[in-house]
Amino acid sequence: MNDRYDAGYGSGPGDPYELVGYDEYGQPVYRQVPAQPQVPQQQRPPQQQAPQPSYDGYGQQGYSYDPYHTGQQQAQPYGSYDTGSYDTGSYGTAAPYDPYGQTAASGQQPRVAEQTAHIPQQAGPPQEPDGEQRDYHTEQFAFVEEPDQNSEDVIDWLNFTENRTERREEAKRRARSRLVALVVVLALVAVGGVGYLWYAGKLPGMSSSDSRTGTTTATGAQKRDVIVVHLHNTGKGGTSTALLVDNTTTKQGTTVLLPNSLVLTDEDGTTTTLAKSVEDDGSSGTRDAIDTVLGTDIQGTWRLDTPYLQNLVDLIGNIEVDTNTDVPDPAEKKGTAPLVLKGKDQTLSGKMAVAYATYRASGEAQNAQLERFGQVMQGVLRKISSDPKGATTTVQTLAQILDPSLTDNDLGTFLAGLADLAKGGDYKSDLMPVQTDGTLSAQASASVVKGVLGGTAKSPDQDAAVSVSVQNASGSKSDTEDARVVLLNGGFTFLEAGTASSAQATSKVTYADAADKANATEVAKTLGLSSGSVTKGSVPGNADVAVVLGQDYQASSS
């Protein structure tokens, strides 16, 4: 670094300015070197010599003056700026010099105009006490060192160390942030899980009813909205019945398919089947009979004729169903291409949906057709609007006359709730397990009656109906199922006796007790057999009347 003394002026004998001192603020003062007059050599006093410039140890120039004319020059101390006498051209007595650039009035020489220059940014040396002079040594100055050849490597190493430290700190900060985020997510998951268990009533120790009545009470306490839908086949006849269940507690939707052979008790206390009840007793009587048998609380009845089902599917823009069989077109002759193809994700129009929902192949049980109807209903729920207003508009557009127990708004709101569950994958179809005699066993129906419906199976007393044993000797397996449905619809109890080893041409109805002759005659009439087929004979011990179906038996259309 530079010292405090300016080396820009007066640093050499040829410069036009020379340093003469410092002002009271420590600023350097310069003056212009006056022109030297040419004095002849012979006129110069012999005893005087011209002052010679001298240089101090720092390369600065000074002047010396011999006041006693001894011929020796005394070096002017560098840095003394109080007063100084300098020779201005004559080698005689020098005029005293004022630090502000003016000479004393007592000088013999005329004053010469001088020009001073200041460097404001450069401070002069500190002012010393009067009479003291300060000596400077080399150790008091600092000099700029030449750059070392290894300085660049050192800088690179420092930068590398600093960057690595910053990277480590940044990695630590990111790790802390991730740890905090993980803890927050785990806490939210835990709180959400506990909240769900509490809402669903599955949190241990939170319900006193669990300890008293167990799971049955918890299942029965769940809130369910249930309506019954009857599909009427206006073309071929017959009905299909299902319960639409919305469990608002567990957020689960279910279609419970009810076989037509389900035994019910009508208003006068006599036993009947579901199919016959729908036909004879209507919606209100059938709804009450189902509530009695299943222990449910059905809020309304939706009668859905096949033309309205077709319009509904067309209105919502077709449905997708995994079909399990090819379905022929009822309006076309045999041998033509099927109307509905078997396959996954088959798109069904309204006409195709009706054909698939009502199709029952030769020899198939009624449950096969019932399951297809359940598939179509679930496909409809996946396409109908989840908005109550939108679903209500769809129902109103059908212009269907509904049962008084169910308004347009009620049905639309109910279907919208099931549609939301069906679209979210929280929907299923269950077939009600019914025994061959049309009754429900508590063990077989526990999963559906108790688990889905929250009810209790209460089948009518079997002793109230005449039991009929049926053996198939017609050569057609489907005749057994058809006779079962017909007998159950007639109020009889059906008992299957298997298939005969060989076919018989005519059918036979047998009774063992004379008191059962009237019942046997009624059975023959119900099956469409002539009264001549009724005979007295042996009957299985668990039956009142025995029937052998021959090749003359004509299956009913139901």
Protein backbone atom coordinates (compact mmCIF):
# COMPACT_ATOMS: atom_id res chain seq x y z
CA MET A 1 0.00 0.00 0.00
CA ASN A 2 1.12 3.63 -0.56
CA ASP A 3 2.46 5.79 2.23
CA ARG A 4 0.89 9.09 3.15
CA TYR A 5 3.25 11.23 1.08
CA ASP A 6 2.42 12.04 -2.46
CA ALA A 7 5.01 11.02 -4.93
CA GLY A 8 3.29 12.65 -7.84
CA TYR A 9 4.90 16.10 -7.41
CA GLY A 10 8.39 17.15 -6.56
CA SER A 11 9.76 13.67 -6.89
CA GLY A 12 12.50 14.68 -9.31
CA PRO A 13 14.61 17.67 -10.13
CA GLY A 14 12.79 18.31 -13.41
CA ASP A 15 9.27 18.55 -11.99
CA PRO A 16 7.57 21.99 -12.10
CA TYR A 17 6.15 21.58 -8.57
CA GLU A 18 7.79 20.84 -5.31
CA LEU A 19 6.43 19.96 -1.87
CA VAL A 20 6.83 22.81 0.55
CA GLY A 21 4.84 21.56 3.54
CA TYR A 22 1.41 20.85 4.93
CA ASP A 23 -1.42 23.08 5.93
CA GLU A 24 -3.26 23.05 9.26
CA TYR A 25 -5.57 20.30 7.99
CA GLY A 26 -2.71 17.99 7.10
CA GLN A 27 -3.04 18.49 3.36
CA PRO A 28 0.19 18.69 1.26
CA VAL A 29 1.10 22.08 -0.19
CA TYR A 30 3.03 22.43 -3.41
CA ARG A 31 4.49 25.39 -5.21
CA GLN A 32 5.73 26.01 -8.65
CA VAL A 33 9.47 26.03 -8.95
CA PRO A 34 10.51 29.52 -10.06
CA ALA A 35 12.73 29.96 -13.01
CA GLN A 36 16.43 30.02 -12.02
CA PRO A 37 18.22 33.20 -13.15
CA GLN A 38 21.48 32.80 -14.95
CA VAL A 39 24.16 34.14 -12.66
CA PRO A 40 27.66 34.45 -14.09
CA GLN A 41 30.16 32.24 -12.43
CA GLN A 42 32.39 35.11 -11.44
CA GLN A 43 29.59 36.94 -9.63
CA ARG A 44 28.74 34.05 -7.34
CA PRO A 45 30.16 34.52 -3.88
CA PRO A 46 33.02 32.15 -3.39
CA GLN A 47 32.00 31.21 0.10
CA GLN A 48 28.53 30.09 -0.98
CA GLN A 49 27.61 26.93 -2.75
CA ALA A 50 24.35 26.07 -4.42
CA PRO A 51 22.18 23.83 -2.37
CA GLN A 52 22.17 20.35 -3.69
CA PRO A 53 19.18 18.07 -3.58
CA SER A 54 19.40 15.15 -1.25
CA TYR A 55 17.27 12.00 -1.08
CA ASP A 56 16.11 10.29 1.98
CA GLY A 57 15.82 6.56 2.49
CA TYR A 58 12.40 6.49 0.86
CA GLY A 59 13.33 7.97 -2.43
CA GLN A 60 11.98 11.48 -1.62
CA GLN A 61 13.89 14.57 -2.55
CA GLY A 62 14.79 17.32 -0.12
CA TYR A 63 17.00 20.35 0.01
CA SER A 64 19.69 21.29 2.53
CA TYR A 65 20.91 24.67 3.58
CA ASP A 66 24.11 25.67 5.41
CA PRO A 67 23.22 28.62 7.61
CA TYR A 68 26.80 29.06 8.80
CA HIS A 69 28.37 28.94 5.34
CA THR A 70 30.59 26.13 6.31
CA GLY A 71 30.35 24.54 2.93
CA GLN A 72 28.47 21.54 4.32
CA GLN A 73 24.86 20.92 3.51
CA GLN A 74 22.49 20.07 6.26
CA ALA A 75 19.70 17.73 5.17
CA GLN A 76 16.27 19.18 5.58
CA PRO A 77 14.27 16.74 7.67
CA TYR A 78 11.54 15.11 5.61
CA GLY A 79 8.17 15.69 6.97
CA SER A 80 8.93 18.94 8.82
CA TYR A 81 6.23 21.36 7.77
CA ASP A 82 6.07 24.04 10.42
CA THR A 83 8.44 26.60 8.79
CA GLY A 84 11.21 26.20 6.26
CA SER A 85 13.62 28.46 4.39
CA TYR A 86 14.37 27.68 0.81
CA ASP A 87 16.60 29.35 -1.69
CA THR A 88 14.44 30.95 -4.39
CA GLY A 89 17.16 31.87 -6.81
CA SER A 90 19.85 33.84 -5.03
CA TYR A 91 22.34 32.07 -2.99
CA GLY A 92 22.23 34.64 -0.25
CA THR A 93 19.85 34.90 2.56
CA ALA A 94 16.64 32.95 1.87
CA ALA A 95 13.29 34.48 2.57
CA PRO A 96 11.18 32.79 5.16
CA TYR A 97 8.25 30.84 3.75
CA ASP A 98 4.70 30.90 4.91
CA PRO A 99 2.97 27.46 4.74
CA TYR A 100 0.04 29.04 2.90
CA GLY A 101 2.22 30.05 -0.01
CA GLN A 102 3.16 33.69 0.96
CA THR A 103 6.66 34.94 1.82
CA ALA A 104 7.54 37.13 4.76
CA ALA A 105 7.42 40.86 4.26
CA SER A 106 10.95 41.35 5.51
CA GLY A 107 12.52 39.39 2.67
CA GLN A 108 14.93 41.20 0.35
CA GLN A 109 13.65 39.56 -2.80
CA PRO A 110 10.37 40.49 -4.46
CA ARG A 111 7.56 38.08 -3.98
CA VAL A 112 7.18 35.60 -6.77
CA ALA A 113 3.72 34.41 -7.73
CA GLU A 114 3.32 30.83 -6.72
CA GLN A 115 0.76 28.19 -7.61
CA THR A 116 -0.30 25.65 -5.03
CA ALA A 117 -2.02 22.35 -5.55
CA HIS A 118 -3.92 20.21 -3.07
CA ILE A 119 -4.89 16.56 -3.01
CA PRO A 120 -7.99 16.47 -0.78
CA GLN A 121 -8.26 12.74 -0.58
CA GLN A 122 -4.78 12.34 0.76
CA ALA A 123 -4.23 13.27 4.36
CA GLY A 124 -0.95 14.58 5.57
CA PRO A 125 1.12 13.07 8.33
CA PRO A 126 -0.15 13.51 11.87
CA GLN A 127 0.90 16.74 13.50
CA GLU A 128 3.69 16.33 15.99
CA PRO A 129 4.23 18.47 19.04
CA ASP A 130 6.33 21.56 18.62
CA GLY A 131 9.99 20.93 18.70
CA GLU A 132 9.69 17.23 18.07
CA GLN A 133 10.63 15.52 14.89
CA ARG A 134 9.45 12.08 13.92
CA ASP A 135 11.69 9.49 12.42
CA TYR A 136 10.20 6.88 10.11
CA HIS A 137 11.47 3.36 9.74
CA THR A 138 10.90 0.77 7.13
CA GLU A 139 8.93 -1.50 9.42
CA GLN A 140 6.27 1.23 9.73
CA PHE A 141 5.24 0.87 6.10
CA ALA A 142 3.39 -1.92 4.39
CA PHE A 143 4.07 -2.88 0.86
CA VAL A 144 1.98 -4.78 -1.63
CA GLU A 145 3.40 -8.24 -1.95
CA GLU A 146 3.72 -9.91 -5.23
CA PRO A 147 1.05 -12.62 -5.78
CA ASP A 148 2.30 -15.99 -4.83
CA GLN A 149 2.15 -18.72 -7.45
CA ASN A 150 0.05 -20.86 -5.13
CA SER A 151 -2.50 -18.12 -4.28
CA GLU A 152 -4.91 -19.24 -7.03
CA ASP A 153 -4.83 -22.81 -5.78
CA VAL A 154 -5.53 -21.62 -2.27
CA ILE A 155 -8.53 -19.59 -3.47
CA ASP A 156 -9.89 -22.62 -5.34
CA TRP A 157 -9.50 -24.79 -2.24
CA LEU A 158 -11.30 -22.22 -0.10
CA ASN A 159 -14.14 -22.02 -2.61
CA PHE A 160 -14.40 -25.81 -2.73
CA THR A 161 -14.46 -26.05 1.06
CA GLU A 162 -17.11 -23.35 1.30
CA ASN A 163 -19.31 -24.97 -1.38
CA ARG A 164 -19.05 -28.39 0.24
CA THR A 165 -20.04 -26.94 3.58
CA GLU A 166 -23.01 -25.19 2.02
CA ARG A 167 -24.08 -28.42 0.31
CA ARG A 168 -23.91 -30.30 3.58
CA GLU A 169 -26.01 -27.65 5.34
CA GLU A 170 -28.56 -27.70 2.50
CA ALA A 171 -28.76 -31.50 2.65
CA LYS A 172 -29.36 -31.33 6.39
CA ARG A 173 -32.12 -28.76 5.91
CA ARG A 174 -33.81 -30.91 3.27
CA ALA A 175 -33.58 -33.98 5.48
CA ARG A 176 -35.16 -32.10 8.38
CA SER A 177 -37.96 -30.83 6.11
CA ARG A 178 -38.68 -34.33 4.82
CA LEU A 179 -38.72 -35.73 8.34
CA VAL A 180 -41.18 -33.08 9.48
CA ALA A 181 -43.40 -33.71 6.44
CA LEU A 182 -43.35 -37.47 7.09
CA VAL A 183 -44.32 -37.00 10.72
CA VAL A 184 -47.21 -34.72 9.70
CA VAL A 185 -48.49 -37.21 7.09
CA LEU A 186 -48.32 -40.11 9.57
CA ALA A 187 -50.17 -38.05 12.15
CA LEU A 188 -52.91 -37.17 9.66
CA VAL A 189 -53.27 -40.81 8.60
CA ALA A 190 -53.51 -41.93 12.21
CA VAL A 191 -56.13 -39.30 13.03
CA GLY A 192 -58.12 -40.11 9.89
CA GLY A 193 -58.03 -43.85 10.63
CA VAL A 194 -59.20 -43.38 14.19
CA GLY A 195 -61.92 -41.01 13.01
CA TYR A 196 -63.17 -43.52 10.45
CA LEU A 197 -63.21 -46.35 13.00
CA TRP A 198 -65.11 -44.14 15.40
CA TYR A 199 -67.60 -43.11 12.69
CA ALA A 200 -68.13 -46.70 11.58
CA GLY A 201 -68.52 -47.89 15.15
CA LYS A 202 -65.51 -50.20 14.87
CA LEU A 203 -63.34 -48.58 17.51
CA PRO A 204 -62.86 -51.03 20.41
CA GLY A 205 -64.24 -49.88 23.73
CA MET A 206 -66.14 -46.91 22.30
CA SER A 207 -69.60 -48.51 22.22
CA SER A 208 -71.20 -49.93 25.30
CA SER A 209 -73.78 -51.76 23.17
CA ASP A 210 -71.04 -53.95 21.71
CA SER A 211 -70.28 -55.46 25.07
CA ARG A 212 -73.93 -56.19 25.74
CA THR A 213 -75.39 -57.38 22.43
CA GLY A 214 -72.32 -57.94 20.28
CA THR A 215 -72.09 -57.57 16.54
CA THR A 216 -75.81 -58.18 15.93
CA THR A 217 -76.78 -54.96 17.65
CA ALA A 218 -74.08 -53.00 15.81
CA THR A 219 -75.31 -54.37 12.48
CA GLY A 220 -78.94 -53.74 13.28
CA ALA A 221 -78.19 -50.20 14.45
CA GLN A 222 -76.90 -49.25 11.03
CA LYS A 223 -79.13 -46.95 9.01
CA ARG A 224 -80.44 -48.36 5.73
CA ASP A 225 -82.73 -46.96 3.05
CA VAL A 226 -84.53 -49.74 1.17
CA ILE A 227 -86.98 -49.77 -1.76
CA VAL A 228 -88.33 -52.76 -3.68
CA VAL A 229 -88.36 -52.78 -7.48
CA HIS A 230 -90.58 -55.13 -9.51
CA LEU A 231 -89.68 -55.64 -13.17
CA HIS A 232 -92.82 -56.58 -15.12
CA ASN A 233 -92.21 -58.32 -18.42
CA THR A 234 -95.07 -56.95 -20.46
CA GLY A 235 -94.14 -59.09 -23.47
CA LYS A 236 -93.85 -62.62 -22.09
CA GLY A 237 -95.31 -62.12 -18.64
CA GLY A 238 -93.72 -62.77 -15.27
CA THR A 239 -91.97 -60.54 -12.78
CA SER A 240 -88.51 -60.12 -11.26
CA THR A 241 -88.04 -58.59 -7.83
CA ALA A 242 -85.05 -56.98 -6.15
CA LEU A 243 -84.37 -54.85 -3.09
CA LEU A 244 -82.20 -51.74 -3.57
CA VAL A 245 -80.34 -51.08 -0.30
CA ASP A 246 -78.38 -47.95 0.63
CA ASN A 247 -76.49 -48.47 3.89
CA THR A 248 -75.77 -44.86 4.84
CA THR A 249 -73.69 -45.95 7.85
CA THR A 250 -71.15 -48.11 6.04
CA LYS A 251 -71.50 -46.32 2.67
CA GLN A 252 -72.32 -49.56 0.87
CA GLY A 253 -74.97 -50.15 -1.79
CA THR A 254 -76.47 -53.56 -2.55
CA THR A 255 -79.01 -55.14 -4.87
CA VAL A 256 -80.65 -58.08 -3.08
CA LEU A 257 -82.26 -60.41 -5.64
CA LEU A 258 -85.41 -62.18 -4.39
CA PRO A 259 -86.36 -65.46 -6.12
CA ASN A 260 -90.00 -65.80 -7.15
CA SER A 261 -90.23 -69.00 -5.11
CA LEU A 262 -89.78 -67.13 -1.81
CA VAL A 263 -92.69 -68.10 0.42
CA LEU A 264 -94.66 -65.21 1.91
CA THR A 265 -97.79 -64.86 3.99
CA ASP A 266 -100.56 -62.76 2.52
CA GLU A 267 -102.99 -60.53 4.38
CA ASP A 268 -105.42 -63.31 5.30
CA GLY A 269 -102.64 -65.47 6.74
CA THR A 270 -102.38 -67.98 3.92
CA THR A 271 -99.00 -68.81 2.40
CA THR A 272 -98.10 -67.73 -1.08
CA THR A 273 -95.03 -67.07 -3.20
CA LEU A 274 -93.40 -63.78 -4.09
CA ALA A 275 -94.40 -64.06 -7.75
CA LYS A 276 -98.06 -64.75 -6.91
CA SER A 277 -98.10 -62.00 -4.29
CA VAL A 278 -96.90 -59.42 -6.82
CA GLU A 279 -99.60 -60.55 -9.22
CA ASP A 280 -102.48 -60.81 -6.74
CA ASP A 281 -101.76 -58.55 -3.80
CA GLY A 282 -100.08 -55.69 -5.64
CA SER A 283 -97.28 -53.47 -4.43
CA SER A 284 -98.56 -52.61 -1.00
CA GLY A 285 -99.46 -56.15 0.07
CA THR A 286 -96.21 -57.58 -1.30
CA ARG A 287 -94.13 -54.90 0.43
CA ASP A 288 -95.70 -55.70 3.79
CA ALA A 289 -95.28 -59.45 3.24
CA ILE A 290 -91.57 -59.04 2.45
CA ASP A 291 -91.09 -56.92 5.58
CA THR A 292 -92.68 -59.70 7.62
CA VAL A 293 -90.50 -62.47 6.21
CA LEU A 294 -87.17 -60.56 6.12
CA GLY A 295 -87.63 -58.22 9.06
CA THR A 296 -86.97 -55.17 6.88
CA ASP A 297 -88.51 -51.71 6.65
CA ILE A 298 -89.10 -50.97 2.97
CA GLN A 299 -89.77 -47.27 2.30
CA GLY A 300 -91.36 -47.59 -1.15
CA THR A 301 -92.14 -49.69 -4.22
CA TRP A 302 -90.90 -48.97 -7.75
CA ARG A 303 -92.82 -50.79 -10.49
CA LEU A 304 -90.62 -50.87 -13.57
CA ASP A 305 -92.27 -52.24 -16.70
CA THR A 306 -89.95 -53.38 -19.49
CA PRO A 307 -90.82 -50.46 -21.83
CA TYR A 308 -89.80 -47.98 -19.11
CA LEU A 309 -86.57 -49.89 -18.51
CA GLN A 310 -85.81 -49.60 -22.21
CA ASN A 311 -86.49 -45.86 -22.18
CA LEU A 312 -84.41 -45.39 -19.03
CA VAL A 313 -81.33 -47.06 -20.55
CA ASP A 314 -81.68 -45.06 -23.77
CA LEU A 315 -82.14 -41.86 -21.78
CA ILE A 316 -78.91 -42.24 -19.81
CA GLY A 317 -76.91 -43.20 -22.90
CA ASN A 318 -76.63 -47.02 -22.87
CA ILE A 319 -74.95 -49.16 -20.22
CA GLU A 320 -71.94 -51.51 -20.00
CA VAL A 321 -72.43 -55.06 -18.69
CA ASP A 322 -70.28 -58.21 -18.54
CA THR A 323 -72.75 -60.53 -20.25
CA ASN A 324 -72.63 -64.27 -19.46
CA THR A 325 -74.54 -65.59 -22.48
CA ASP A 326 -75.66 -64.80 -25.98
CA VAL A 327 -79.23 -63.51 -26.12
CA PRO A 328 -81.30 -63.90 -29.31
CA ASP A 329 -83.50 -61.16 -30.61
CA PRO A 330 -87.08 -61.97 -29.52
CA ALA A 331 -88.44 -60.34 -32.67
CA GLU A 332 -86.30 -62.38 -35.07
CA LYS A 333 -86.49 -65.98 -36.16
CA LYS A 334 -84.22 -68.64 -34.75
CA GLY A 335 -80.84 -68.94 -36.41
CA THR A 336 -80.27 -65.21 -36.78
CA ALA A 337 -77.40 -63.36 -35.15
CA PRO A 338 -77.88 -62.83 -31.41
CA LEU A 339 -79.02 -59.46 -30.20
CA VAL A 340 -76.63 -59.54 -27.22
CA LEU A 341 -73.20 -61.13 -27.42
CA LYS A 342 -71.45 -62.82 -24.54
CA GLY A 343 -68.39 -60.90 -23.40
CA LYS A 344 -66.84 -58.36 -21.08
CA ASP A 345 -67.92 -54.70 -21.09
CA GLN A 346 -70.67 -55.16 -23.64
CA THR A 347 -72.51 -51.95 -24.49
CA LEU A 348 -76.26 -52.47 -24.25
CA SER A 349 -78.94 -50.20 -25.66
CA GLY A 350 -82.38 -50.05 -24.11
CA LYS A 351 -83.74 -52.89 -26.24
CA MET A 352 -80.67 -55.04 -25.60
CA ALA A 353 -80.81 -54.36 -21.86
CA VAL A 354 -84.43 -55.51 -21.65
CA ALA A 355 -83.68 -58.66 -23.66
CA TYR A 356 -80.71 -59.53 -21.42
CA ALA A 357 -82.53 -58.76 -18.14
CA THR A 358 -85.52 -60.98 -18.99
CA TYR A 359 -83.71 -63.81 -20.82
CA ARG A 360 -84.01 -67.32 -19.41
CA ALA A 361 -82.56 -70.13 -21.46
CA SER A 362 -84.23 -73.51 -21.76
CA GLY A 363 -83.57 -75.62 -18.67
CA GLU A 364 -82.21 -72.66 -16.67
CA ALA A 365 -83.42 -71.88 -13.19
CA GLN A 366 -85.17 -68.62 -12.55
CA ASN A 367 -82.19 -67.46 -10.50
CA ALA A 368 -80.03 -67.22 -13.67
CA GLN A 369 -82.45 -64.74 -15.21
CA LEU A 370 -82.69 -62.91 -11.89
CA GLU A 371 -78.94 -62.40 -11.75
CA ARG A 372 -78.97 -60.88 -15.25
CA PHE A 373 -81.62 -58.45 -14.09
CA GLY A 374 -79.31 -57.49 -11.21
CA GLN A 375 -76.47 -56.82 -13.66
CA VAL A 376 -78.65 -54.49 -15.70
CA MET A 377 -79.78 -52.57 -12.60
CA GLN A 378 -76.18 -52.06 -11.48
CA GLY A 379 -75.24 -50.88 -14.98
CA VAL A 380 -78.07 -48.34 -14.85
CA LEU A 381 -76.90 -47.03 -11.47
CA ARG A 382 -73.37 -46.54 -12.82
CA LYS A 383 -74.69 -44.29 -15.59
CA ILE A 384 -77.45 -42.33 -13.90
CA SER A 385 -76.60 -38.90 -12.45
CA SER A 386 -75.18 -38.72 -8.93
CA ASP A 387 -76.81 -35.33 -8.50
CA PRO A 388 -80.25 -35.60 -6.87
CA LYS A 389 -81.70 -32.92 -9.14
CA GLY A 390 -80.31 -34.56 -12.26
CA ALA A 391 -81.56 -38.03 -11.25
CA THR A 392 -84.99 -36.60 -10.40
CA THR A 393 -85.14 -34.98 -13.84
CA THR A 394 -84.38 -38.37 -15.41
CA VAL A 395 -87.18 -40.02 -13.43
CA GLN A 396 -89.62 -37.28 -14.37
CA THR A 397 -88.65 -37.57 -18.04
CA LEU A 398 -89.80 -41.21 -18.01
CA ALA A 399 -93.34 -39.93 -17.33
CA GLN A 400 -93.99 -43.07 -15.32
CA ILE A 401 -96.91 -43.39 -12.90
CA LEU A 402 -95.25 -44.31 -9.64
CA ASP A 403 -96.61 -46.03 -6.60
CA PRO A 404 -98.06 -43.58 -4.06
CA SER A 405 -95.41 -44.65 -1.58
CA LEU A 406 -92.67 -43.17 -3.77
CA THR A 407 -92.61 -39.69 -5.34
CA ASP A 408 -90.45 -38.50 -8.23
CA ASN A 409 -88.21 -36.54 -5.90
CA ASP A 410 -87.88 -39.44 -3.44
CA LEU A 411 -86.96 -41.92 -6.16
CA GLY A 412 -84.54 -39.51 -7.87
CA THR A 413 -82.75 -38.70 -4.61
CA PHE A 414 -82.52 -42.38 -3.67
CA LEU A 415 -81.15 -43.41 -7.08
CA ALA A 416 -78.60 -40.57 -6.99
CA GLY A 417 -77.20 -41.87 -3.69
CA LEU A 418 -76.88 -45.41 -5.07
CA ALA A 419 -75.34 -44.05 -8.27
CA ASP A 420 -72.60 -42.35 -6.27
CA LEU A 421 -71.78 -45.64 -4.51
CA ALA A 422 -71.89 -47.64 -7.76
CA LYS A 423 -69.50 -45.24 -9.51
CA GLY A 424 -67.10 -45.43 -6.57
CA GLY A 425 -67.04 -49.24 -6.58
CA ASP A 426 -69.00 -49.57 -3.31
CA TYR A 427 -71.84 -51.58 -4.80
CA LYS A 428 -72.61 -55.31 -5.12
CA SER A 429 -75.41 -57.76 -5.91
CA ASP A 430 -76.46 -60.63 -3.61
CA LEU A 431 -78.90 -63.45 -4.32
CA MET A 432 -81.21 -64.34 -1.43
CA PRO A 433 -80.66 -68.04 -0.62
CA VAL A 434 -84.02 -69.81 -0.73
CA GLN A 435 -84.58 -73.50 -0.04
CA THR A 436 -86.43 -75.78 -2.42
CA ASP A 437 -89.63 -75.35 -0.44
CA GLY A 438 -89.34 -71.55 -0.72
CA THR A 439 -88.45 -70.95 2.91
CA LEU A 440 -85.36 -69.33 4.41
CA SER A 441 -83.00 -71.10 6.75
CA ALA A 442 -81.54 -68.85 9.42
CA GLN A 443 -78.03 -70.17 8.74
CA ALA A 444 -78.19 -69.87 4.94
CA SER A 445 -79.69 -66.38 4.90
CA ALA A 446 -77.73 -64.88 7.80
CA SER A 447 -75.20 -63.18 5.51
CA VAL A 448 -77.89 -61.45 3.45
CA VAL A 449 -80.87 -61.03 5.76
CA LYS A 450 -78.84 -60.04 8.79
CA GLY A 451 -75.68 -58.63 7.24
CA VAL A 452 -77.16 -56.65 4.35
CA LEU A 453 -80.74 -56.00 5.41
CA GLY A 454 -80.21 -55.97 9.18
CA GLY A 455 -83.28 -58.15 9.65
CA THR A 456 -84.20 -61.63 10.82
CA ALA A 457 -85.62 -64.44 8.66
CA LYS A 458 -89.19 -65.42 9.64
CA SER A 459 -90.49 -67.92 7.14
CA PRO A 460 -94.13 -69.03 7.42
CA ASP A 461 -94.96 -72.30 9.19
CA GLN A 462 -94.56 -75.13 6.71
CA ASP A 463 -97.47 -76.98 8.31
CA ALA A 464 -99.83 -74.34 7.01
CA ALA A 465 -99.42 -75.55 3.39
CA VAL A 466 -99.88 -78.92 1.67
CA SER A 467 -96.51 -80.49 0.91
CA VAL A 468 -96.10 -81.92 -2.60
CA SER A 469 -93.28 -84.28 -3.64
CA VAL A 470 -92.34 -83.93 -7.34
CA GLN A 471 -90.33 -86.44 -9.44
CA ASN A 472 -89.37 -85.57 -13.00
CA ALA A 473 -90.00 -88.31 -15.58
CA SER A 474 -90.62 -86.05 -18.57
CA GLY A 475 -87.07 -86.06 -19.88
CA SER A 476 -86.76 -82.26 -19.54
CA LYS A 477 -84.80 -81.00 -16.57
CA SER A 478 -86.46 -77.59 -16.68
CA ASP A 479 -89.87 -79.13 -15.90
CA THR A 480 -88.88 -79.64 -12.27
CA GLU A 481 -88.12 -75.98 -11.76
CA ASP A 482 -91.23 -74.93 -13.58
CA ALA A 483 -93.43 -77.22 -11.46
CA ARG A 484 -91.78 -75.91 -8.32
CA VAL A 485 -92.60 -72.31 -9.19
CA VAL A 486 -96.15 -73.21 -10.17
CA LEU A 487 -96.80 -75.13 -6.96
CA LEU A 488 -95.27 -72.48 -4.76
CA ASN A 489 -97.33 -69.84 -6.48
CA GLY A 490 -100.37 -72.00 -5.76
CA GLY A 491 -99.61 -72.00 -2.06
CA PHE A 492 -98.19 -75.51 -1.86
CA THR A 493 -94.95 -76.61 -0.29
CA PHE A 494 -92.56 -78.09 -2.87
CA LEU A 495 -90.47 -81.15 -2.10
CA GLU A 496 -88.06 -82.35 -4.81
CA ALA A 497 -87.92 -86.11 -5.36
CA GLY A 498 -85.28 -86.17 -8.07
CA THR A 499 -85.40 -87.56 -11.60
CA ALA A 500 -86.86 -90.93 -12.66
CA SER A 501 -84.59 -93.49 -14.25
CA SER A 502 -86.78 -93.64 -17.36
CA ALA A 503 -89.26 -91.31 -18.99
CA GLN A 504 -93.02 -91.83 -18.65
CA ALA A 505 -95.64 -90.81 -21.15
CA THR A 506 -98.28 -89.61 -18.70
CA SER A 507 -98.17 -87.70 -15.47
CA LYS A 508 -99.58 -89.05 -12.18
CA VAL A 509 -100.82 -87.43 -8.96
CA THR A 510 -101.09 -89.73 -5.89
CA TYR A 511 -102.52 -89.34 -2.40
CA ALA A 512 -102.36 -91.83 0.52
CA ASP A 513 -105.03 -90.49 2.89
CA ALA A 514 -108.59 -90.01 1.74
CA ALA A 515 -108.56 -86.65 3.49
CA ASP A 516 -105.92 -85.50 1.00
CA LYS A 517 -107.96 -86.43 -2.12
CA ALA A 518 -109.23 -82.87 -2.47
CA ASN A 519 -105.70 -81.55 -2.06
CA ALA A 520 -104.45 -83.96 -4.76
CA THR A 521 -107.17 -82.82 -7.12
CA GLU A 522 -106.17 -79.20 -6.47
CA VAL A 523 -102.50 -80.02 -7.17
CA ALA A 524 -103.39 -81.60 -10.53
CA LYS A 525 -105.41 -78.56 -11.46
CA THR A 526 -102.61 -76.23 -10.49
CA LEU A 527 -100.11 -78.14 -12.66
CA GLY A 528 -102.48 -78.22 -15.63
CA LEU A 529 -103.10 -81.97 -15.43
CA SER A 530 -106.39 -83.69 -15.90
CA SER A 531 -108.42 -84.97 -12.98
CA GLY A 532 -107.94 -88.51 -14.34
CA SER A 533 -104.30 -88.35 -13.32
CA VAL A 534 -105.28 -88.33 -9.63
CA THR A 535 -105.06 -91.77 -8.01
CA LYS A 536 -104.71 -93.25 -4.55
CA GLY A 537 -101.38 -94.86 -3.78
CA SER A 538 -98.19 -94.68 -1.79
CA VAL A 539 -96.76 -91.31 -0.88
CA PRO A 540 -93.38 -90.42 0.71
CA GLY A 541 -93.61 -89.96 4.44
CA ASN A 542 -92.74 -86.26 4.39
CA ALA A 543 -95.36 -85.35 1.73
CA ASP A 544 -99.13 -85.16 1.55
CA VAL A 545 -99.32 -85.56 -2.25
CA ALA A 546 -96.84 -87.12 -4.72
CA VAL A 547 -96.50 -86.04 -8.37
CA VAL A 548 -94.65 -87.74 -11.24
CA LEU A 549 -94.23 -85.45 -14.24
CA GLY A 550 -94.64 -87.27 -17.56
CA GLN A 551 -94.04 -86.22 -21.13
CA ASP A 552 -97.56 -84.84 -21.30
CA TYR A 553 -96.69 -82.10 -18.82
CA GLN A 554 -96.81 -78.66 -20.37
CA ALA A 555 -94.58 -76.11 -18.71
CA SER A 556 -96.22 -72.82 -17.87
CA SER A 557 -95.06 -69.50 -19.32
CA SER A 558 -94.21 -68.13 -15.89
